Amino acid sequence: MTVALAVGLVGALIAAGQSSLVHSVTTLGHLDWAWLPLAVAAEAASMAAFARTQRRLIRAGGTNLHLGSVMAITYAGNAISVSLPLAGPETATGFIYRSYSRLGVDPAVAGWALAMSGGFSSLAFALVLAGGALASGSTSGMTLGLVGAAISLLLTVTVLTALRSSGARRRLNWLVAHVIAASRKLVGRPGPEAADALDPFLDRVASLRLPRLQYAEVMVLAVWNWLADCLCLAFSIRAIGVNVPWQGLVLAYGAGMAAASFGLTPGGLGVVEAVLSASLVALGIKGQSALAAVLVYRLVSFWLVMTVGWAVVAILTRARVPKGEHHDP
């Protein structure tokens, strides 16, 4: 954690210079505290929208999980994703998958829900960017967002269509079975035939679908997930006493989130601060105010959410330890 914080501070220094950072920290001492609860509420709404997306998709498999359980897994998975370098998202996906399985969710349903929520999230992000570009009058940005949305939609539809084709499933089964068999030979650990387990798994995935109205509901939740997070940034800007540049805010926010997706640092630490600060400066906010707003936003959307997530991880871990069983520290 100390290393990550250091990376974030270095990124901030690069973005605004040491003197601007000092002014930004000074600005934080004069916050309009009335806006902070709104920023926290907006971020909580963003996390809730993502959790509801997965809950709705899981329900397609016949399992109706309690929203509180899905929220807990969402916060815990997010904490793992943004804390671990390089393999954070993959580790988080594995954690979420196992957590859903422990709650009785069919493995095929859990895998389908995770894949679909990721596809909807990518599509929603592209649509939000296109809308933000339209509001700002950026034709190139709108075109880029619409192209991204079209690609995300095409990939999702293609995969779903392929999985519903018995021939495509057989070819995929054959390919995966051979890859697994080859890997087992390399490590000298023979096991059961992968095809025997993969066939029913793929058949189950192919059978999963939602009514069109519920697909629309999932899409709305995915869009709200991004917009609520963007609202958290807007409230953070108001908290430092600066008017929100609404016309270009979504594009500036999108630039920061796109930079975070490269995974150069855990949770985009330093990278997001630098890109978001520069984007807000381009919208007319003074350097020290822009950096102060970004620091408030990241305090809420990154540090606070991550802290809650790790607390949930600790609770979930303790709950799985049988009574009377002790572990050495």
Protein backbone atom coordinates (compact mmCIF):
# COMPACT_ATOMS: atom_id res chain seq x y z
CA MET A 1 0.00 0.00 0.00
CA THR A 2 2.83 2.39 0.78
CA VAL A 3 4.37 1.76 -2.65
CA ALA A 4 1.04 2.38 -4.33
CA LEU A 5 0.57 5.64 -2.48
CA ALA A 6 4.06 6.72 -3.47
CA VAL A 7 3.28 6.00 -7.12
CA GLY A 8 0.13 8.11 -6.82
CA LEU A 9 2.01 11.04 -5.34
CA VAL A 10 4.69 10.83 -8.01
CA GLY A 11 2.00 10.91 -10.69
CA ALA A 12 0.42 13.92 -9.06
CA LEU A 13 3.76 15.71 -8.94
CA ILE A 14 4.32 15.04 -12.62
CA ALA A 15 0.83 16.29 -13.47
CA ALA A 16 0.88 19.57 -11.62
CA GLY A 17 4.31 20.24 -10.19
CA GLN A 18 5.29 20.33 -6.54
CA SER A 19 4.08 23.86 -5.88
CA SER A 20 0.64 23.10 -7.34
CA LEU A 21 0.43 19.99 -5.18
CA VAL A 22 1.10 22.08 -2.08
CA HIS A 23 -1.61 24.56 -3.13
CA SER A 24 -3.98 21.66 -3.81
CA VAL A 25 -3.45 20.19 -0.34
CA THR A 26 -4.06 23.65 1.11
CA THR A 27 -7.28 23.86 -0.89
CA LEU A 28 -8.44 20.59 0.68
CA GLY A 29 -8.45 22.36 4.03
CA HIS A 30 -11.23 24.65 2.81
CA LEU A 31 -13.63 22.10 1.42
CA ASP A 32 -17.36 22.70 1.22
CA TRP A 33 -18.18 19.61 3.29
CA ALA A 34 -21.84 19.62 2.28
CA TRP A 35 -20.86 18.18 -1.11
CA LEU A 36 -18.88 15.23 0.26
CA PRO A 37 -21.92 13.15 1.35
CA LEU A 38 -23.30 13.61 -2.15
CA ALA A 39 -20.02 12.37 -3.64
CA VAL A 40 -20.10 9.32 -1.35
CA ALA A 41 -23.76 8.68 -2.21
CA ALA A 42 -23.03 8.89 -5.93
CA GLU A 43 -20.17 6.40 -5.63
CA ALA A 44 -22.33 4.06 -3.54
CA ALA A 45 -25.00 4.29 -6.26
CA SER A 46 -22.38 3.40 -8.88
CA MET A 47 -21.28 0.30 -6.97
CA ALA A 48 -24.90 -0.68 -6.33
CA ALA A 49 -25.69 -0.42 -10.05
CA PHE A 50 -22.82 -2.78 -10.90
CA ALA A 51 -23.95 -5.26 -8.22
CA ARG A 52 -27.54 -5.13 -9.46
CA THR A 53 -26.31 -5.82 -12.99
CA GLN A 54 -24.67 -9.07 -11.90
CA ARG A 55 -27.62 -10.00 -9.69
CA ARG A 56 -30.03 -9.56 -12.58
CA LEU A 57 -27.86 -11.71 -14.87
CA ILE A 58 -27.46 -14.43 -12.23
CA ARG A 59 -31.23 -14.52 -11.82
CA ALA A 60 -31.45 -15.72 -15.43
CA GLY A 61 -29.99 -19.01 -14.19
CA GLY A 62 -32.72 -19.47 -11.61
CA THR A 63 -30.78 -18.24 -8.54
CA ASN A 64 -32.13 -15.17 -6.77
CA LEU A 65 -29.31 -13.92 -4.55
CA HIS A 66 -29.85 -11.39 -1.78
CA LEU A 67 -28.69 -7.95 -2.92
CA GLY A 68 -26.59 -7.56 0.23
CA SER A 69 -24.58 -10.67 -0.64
CA VAL A 70 -23.94 -9.47 -4.19
CA MET A 71 -22.97 -6.01 -2.90
CA ALA A 72 -20.48 -7.54 -0.46
CA ILE A 73 -18.89 -9.63 -3.21
CA THR A 74 -18.78 -6.59 -5.51
CA TYR A 75 -16.94 -4.44 -2.96
CA ALA A 76 -14.55 -7.26 -2.08
CA GLY A 77 -13.81 -8.03 -5.73
CA ASN A 78 -13.20 -4.36 -6.47
CA ALA A 79 -10.72 -4.11 -3.59
CA ILE A 80 -8.75 -7.08 -4.89
CA SER A 81 -8.84 -5.77 -8.45
CA VAL A 82 -7.47 -2.29 -7.66
CA SER A 83 -4.93 -3.41 -5.03
CA LEU A 84 -2.93 -6.08 -6.84
CA PRO A 85 -0.50 -5.10 -9.61
CA LEU A 86 -0.88 -6.60 -13.09
CA ALA A 87 -3.06 -9.60 -12.14
CA GLY A 88 -5.56 -7.68 -10.01
CA PRO A 89 -8.59 -7.91 -12.36
CA GLU A 90 -8.00 -11.60 -13.11
CA THR A 91 -7.58 -12.44 -9.41
CA ALA A 92 -10.73 -10.49 -8.58
CA THR A 93 -12.70 -12.33 -11.26
CA GLY A 94 -11.60 -15.66 -9.79
CA PHE A 95 -12.57 -14.52 -6.30
CA ILE A 96 -16.03 -13.36 -7.45
CA TYR A 97 -16.58 -16.60 -9.38
CA ARG A 98 -15.72 -18.74 -6.35
CA SER A 99 -17.83 -16.55 -4.06
CA TYR A 100 -20.90 -16.98 -6.25
CA SER A 101 -20.28 -20.73 -6.45
CA ARG A 102 -20.22 -20.89 -2.64
CA LEU A 103 -23.64 -19.23 -2.62
CA GLY A 104 -25.00 -22.02 -4.78
CA VAL A 105 -24.79 -20.34 -8.18
CA ASP A 106 -24.24 -22.78 -11.04
CA PRO A 107 -20.62 -22.38 -12.33
CA ALA A 108 -21.90 -21.85 -15.88
CA VAL A 109 -24.30 -19.17 -14.67
CA ALA A 110 -21.58 -17.44 -12.66
CA GLY A 111 -19.20 -17.44 -15.61
CA TRP A 112 -21.92 -16.21 -17.97
CA ALA A 113 -22.95 -13.42 -15.59
CA LEU A 114 -19.36 -12.20 -15.17
CA ALA A 115 -18.71 -12.24 -18.91
CA MET A 116 -21.99 -10.53 -19.75
CA SER A 117 -21.59 -7.84 -17.08
CA GLY A 118 -18.15 -7.06 -18.48
CA GLY A 119 -19.56 -6.82 -22.00
CA PHE A 120 -22.42 -4.57 -20.91
CA SER A 121 -19.99 -2.40 -18.93
CA SER A 122 -17.74 -1.90 -21.97
CA LEU A 123 -20.73 -1.10 -24.17
CA ALA A 124 -22.12 1.33 -21.60
CA PHE A 125 -18.77 3.11 -21.23
CA ALA A 126 -18.57 3.61 -24.99
CA LEU A 127 -22.13 4.99 -25.07
CA VAL A 128 -21.42 7.34 -22.17
CA LEU A 129 -18.32 8.62 -23.99
CA ALA A 130 -20.35 9.15 -27.17
CA GLY A 131 -22.99 11.07 -25.21
CA GLY A 132 -20.34 13.17 -23.50
CA ALA A 133 -18.71 13.95 -26.83
CA LEU A 134 -22.09 14.96 -28.27
CA ALA A 135 -22.67 17.31 -25.32
CA SER A 136 -19.23 18.88 -25.76
CA GLY A 137 -19.60 19.25 -29.50
CA SER A 138 -16.69 16.91 -30.26
CA THR A 139 -17.56 15.08 -33.48
CA SER A 140 -14.41 12.95 -33.38
CA GLY A 141 -15.05 11.93 -29.76
CA MET A 142 -18.66 11.02 -30.53
CA THR A 143 -17.56 8.96 -33.54
CA LEU A 144 -14.95 7.16 -31.45
CA GLY A 145 -17.49 6.40 -28.73
CA LEU A 146 -20.07 5.11 -31.20
CA VAL A 147 -17.47 2.95 -32.95
CA GLY A 148 -16.42 1.53 -29.56
CA ALA A 149 -20.06 0.83 -28.70
CA ALA A 150 -20.62 -0.87 -32.05
CA ILE A 151 -17.54 -3.06 -31.60
CA SER A 152 -18.55 -4.03 -28.03
CA LEU A 153 -22.08 -4.86 -29.17
CA LEU A 154 -20.85 -6.83 -32.18
CA LEU A 155 -18.44 -8.90 -30.10
CA THR A 156 -21.10 -9.69 -27.48
CA VAL A 157 -23.71 -10.67 -30.07
CA THR A 158 -21.17 -12.75 -32.00
CA VAL A 159 -20.11 -14.72 -28.93
CA LEU A 160 -23.72 -15.33 -27.83
CA THR A 161 -24.74 -16.42 -31.32
CA ALA A 162 -21.75 -18.76 -31.58
CA LEU A 163 -22.47 -20.36 -28.22
CA ARG A 164 -26.04 -21.07 -29.28
CA SER A 165 -24.77 -22.99 -32.29
CA SER A 166 -24.14 -26.65 -31.46
CA GLY A 167 -21.41 -26.83 -34.12
CA ALA A 168 -19.57 -23.83 -32.67
CA ARG A 169 -19.81 -25.31 -29.18
CA ARG A 170 -18.35 -28.61 -30.38
CA ARG A 171 -15.40 -26.83 -32.02
CA LEU A 172 -14.80 -24.74 -28.91
CA ASN A 173 -15.04 -27.85 -26.75
CA TRP A 174 -12.49 -29.65 -28.94
CA LEU A 175 -10.07 -26.70 -28.83
CA VAL A 176 -10.27 -26.20 -25.04
CA ALA A 177 -10.02 -29.94 -24.37
CA HIS A 178 -6.82 -30.20 -26.42
CA VAL A 179 -5.30 -27.16 -24.74
CA ILE A 180 -6.04 -28.55 -21.28
CA ALA A 181 -4.74 -31.99 -22.23
CA ALA A 182 -1.51 -30.51 -23.57
CA SER A 183 -1.00 -28.42 -20.43
CA ARG A 184 -1.55 -31.47 -18.21
CA LYS A 185 1.08 -33.41 -20.15
CA LEU A 186 3.55 -30.56 -19.73
CA VAL A 187 3.18 -30.57 -15.95
CA GLY A 188 2.86 -34.35 -15.76
CA ARG A 189 -0.54 -34.31 -14.07
CA PRO A 190 -3.06 -36.40 -15.99
CA GLY A 191 -6.66 -35.82 -15.11
CA PRO A 192 -10.21 -36.43 -16.30
CA GLU A 193 -11.12 -35.66 -19.86
CA ALA A 194 -11.91 -31.96 -20.18
CA ALA A 195 -14.52 -32.60 -22.86
CA ASP A 196 -16.69 -34.55 -20.40
CA ALA A 197 -16.98 -31.52 -18.12
CA LEU A 198 -16.96 -28.81 -20.79
CA ASP A 199 -19.85 -30.14 -22.88
CA PRO A 200 -22.57 -29.68 -20.22
CA PHE A 201 -20.95 -26.38 -19.14
CA LEU A 202 -21.23 -24.90 -22.65
CA ASP A 203 -24.72 -26.32 -23.13
CA ARG A 204 -25.80 -24.62 -19.90
CA VAL A 205 -24.25 -21.30 -20.94
CA ALA A 206 -25.98 -21.51 -24.33
CA SER A 207 -29.36 -21.97 -22.63
CA LEU A 208 -29.06 -18.78 -20.59
CA ARG A 209 -30.87 -15.70 -21.80
CA LEU A 210 -32.95 -12.81 -20.51
CA PRO A 211 -36.17 -11.34 -21.86
CA ARG A 212 -35.50 -8.26 -24.00
CA LEU A 213 -36.95 -5.93 -21.39
CA GLN A 214 -34.52 -7.26 -18.80
CA TYR A 215 -31.59 -6.83 -21.19
CA ALA A 216 -32.66 -3.19 -21.42
CA GLU A 217 -32.74 -3.01 -17.62
CA VAL A 218 -29.19 -4.40 -17.41
CA MET A 219 -28.06 -1.86 -20.01
CA VAL A 220 -29.58 1.02 -18.03
CA LEU A 221 -27.85 -0.19 -14.86
CA ALA A 222 -24.52 -0.46 -16.69
CA VAL A 223 -24.84 3.11 -17.99
CA TRP A 224 -25.84 4.38 -14.54
CA ASN A 225 -22.78 2.66 -13.06
CA TRP A 226 -20.54 4.99 -15.12
CA LEU A 227 -22.70 8.10 -14.84
CA ALA A 228 -22.97 7.85 -11.05
CA ASP A 229 -19.18 7.57 -10.80
CA CYS A 230 -18.90 10.64 -13.02
CA LEU A 231 -21.33 12.43 -10.70
CA CYS A 232 -18.98 11.62 -7.84
CA LEU A 233 -16.30 13.57 -9.74
CA ALA A 234 -18.74 16.44 -10.30
CA PHE A 235 -19.60 16.65 -6.59
CA SER A 236 -15.88 16.52 -5.77
CA ILE A 237 -15.33 19.54 -8.02
CA ARG A 238 -18.13 21.40 -6.25
CA ALA A 239 -16.63 20.45 -2.90
CA ILE A 240 -13.56 22.57 -3.63
CA GLY A 241 -15.74 25.56 -4.57
CA VAL A 242 -15.42 25.41 -8.35
CA ASN A 243 -18.25 25.32 -10.88
CA VAL A 244 -18.58 22.02 -12.73
CA PRO A 245 -17.66 22.22 -16.44
CA TRP A 246 -20.65 20.07 -17.40
CA GLN A 247 -20.19 20.40 -21.14
CA GLY A 248 -16.87 18.58 -21.20
CA LEU A 249 -16.99 16.72 -17.89
CA VAL A 250 -17.92 13.30 -19.28
CA LEU A 251 -15.10 13.40 -21.83
CA ALA A 252 -12.58 14.39 -19.14
CA TYR A 253 -13.89 11.60 -16.91
CA GLY A 254 -13.73 9.13 -19.80
CA ALA A 255 -10.10 10.05 -20.44
CA GLY A 256 -9.23 9.25 -16.82
CA MET A 257 -11.08 5.93 -16.83
CA ALA A 258 -9.55 4.93 -20.16
CA ALA A 259 -6.09 5.64 -18.75
CA ALA A 260 -6.87 3.47 -15.72
CA SER A 261 -7.83 0.55 -17.96
CA PHE A 262 -4.25 0.12 -19.17
CA GLY A 263 -3.35 -1.31 -15.76
CA LEU A 264 0.05 0.37 -15.50
CA THR A 265 -0.44 0.77 -11.74
CA PRO A 266 -2.92 -0.81 -9.30
CA GLY A 267 -6.24 0.99 -9.74
CA GLY A 268 -4.57 3.46 -12.10
CA LEU A 269 -2.86 5.20 -9.20
CA GLY A 270 -0.93 8.23 -10.39
CA VAL A 271 -2.09 7.72 -13.97
CA VAL A 272 -5.72 8.62 -13.26
CA GLU A 273 -4.69 11.59 -11.11
CA ALA A 274 -2.43 12.90 -13.86
CA VAL A 275 -4.84 12.43 -16.77
CA LEU A 276 -7.94 13.66 -14.92
CA SER A 277 -6.11 16.74 -13.59
CA ALA A 278 -4.82 17.62 -17.06
CA SER A 279 -8.29 17.09 -18.56
CA LEU A 280 -9.94 19.37 -16.00
CA VAL A 281 -7.28 22.01 -16.59
CA ALA A 282 -8.10 21.81 -20.30
CA LEU A 283 -11.71 22.58 -19.36
CA GLY A 284 -10.66 25.81 -17.66
CA ILE A 285 -10.17 24.79 -14.03
CA LYS A 286 -6.97 26.11 -12.42
CA GLY A 287 -4.22 23.55 -11.91
CA GLN A 288 -4.27 23.42 -8.11
CA SER A 289 -8.08 23.34 -8.02
CA ALA A 290 -8.20 20.58 -10.65
CA LEU A 291 -5.74 18.43 -8.72
CA ALA A 292 -7.57 19.08 -5.44
CA ALA A 293 -10.87 18.00 -7.02
CA VAL A 294 -9.27 14.84 -8.39
CA LEU A 295 -7.75 14.02 -5.00
CA VAL A 296 -11.18 14.34 -3.36
CA TYR A 297 -12.73 12.18 -6.07
CA ARG A 298 -10.07 9.50 -5.69
CA LEU A 299 -10.35 9.62 -1.90
CA VAL A 300 -14.01 8.65 -2.26
CA SER A 301 -14.05 6.46 -5.39
CA PHE A 302 -10.75 4.66 -4.80
CA TRP A 303 -9.49 4.77 -1.21
CA LEU A 304 -12.85 4.69 0.58
CA VAL A 305 -14.34 2.00 -1.67
CA MET A 306 -11.16 -0.07 -1.46
CA THR A 307 -11.09 0.20 2.34
CA VAL A 308 -14.70 -0.97 2.57
CA GLY A 309 -13.89 -3.78 0.14
CA TRP A 310 -10.96 -5.11 2.17
CA ALA A 311 -13.07 -4.95 5.32
CA VAL A 312 -15.64 -7.12 3.54
CA VAL A 313 -12.88 -9.52 2.43
CA ALA A 314 -11.80 -9.87 6.07
CA ILE A 315 -15.39 -10.53 7.17
CA LEU A 316 -16.00 -13.08 4.41
CA THR A 317 -12.72 -14.84 5.19
CA ARG A 318 -13.50 -15.07 8.92
CA ALA A 319 -16.97 -16.37 8.13
CA ARG A 320 -15.49 -19.29 6.17
CA VAL A 321 -13.15 -20.40 8.99
CA PRO A 322 -14.86 -23.20 10.98
CA LYS A 323 -15.37 -22.56 14.67
CA GLY A 324 -12.47 -23.78 16.77
CA GLU A 325 -10.03 -23.63 13.85
CA HIS A 326 -7.10 -21.31 14.33
CA HIS A 327 -4.45 -20.06 11.93
CA ASP A 328 -0.99 -18.92 12.85
CA PRO A 329 -0.41 -15.26 12.09
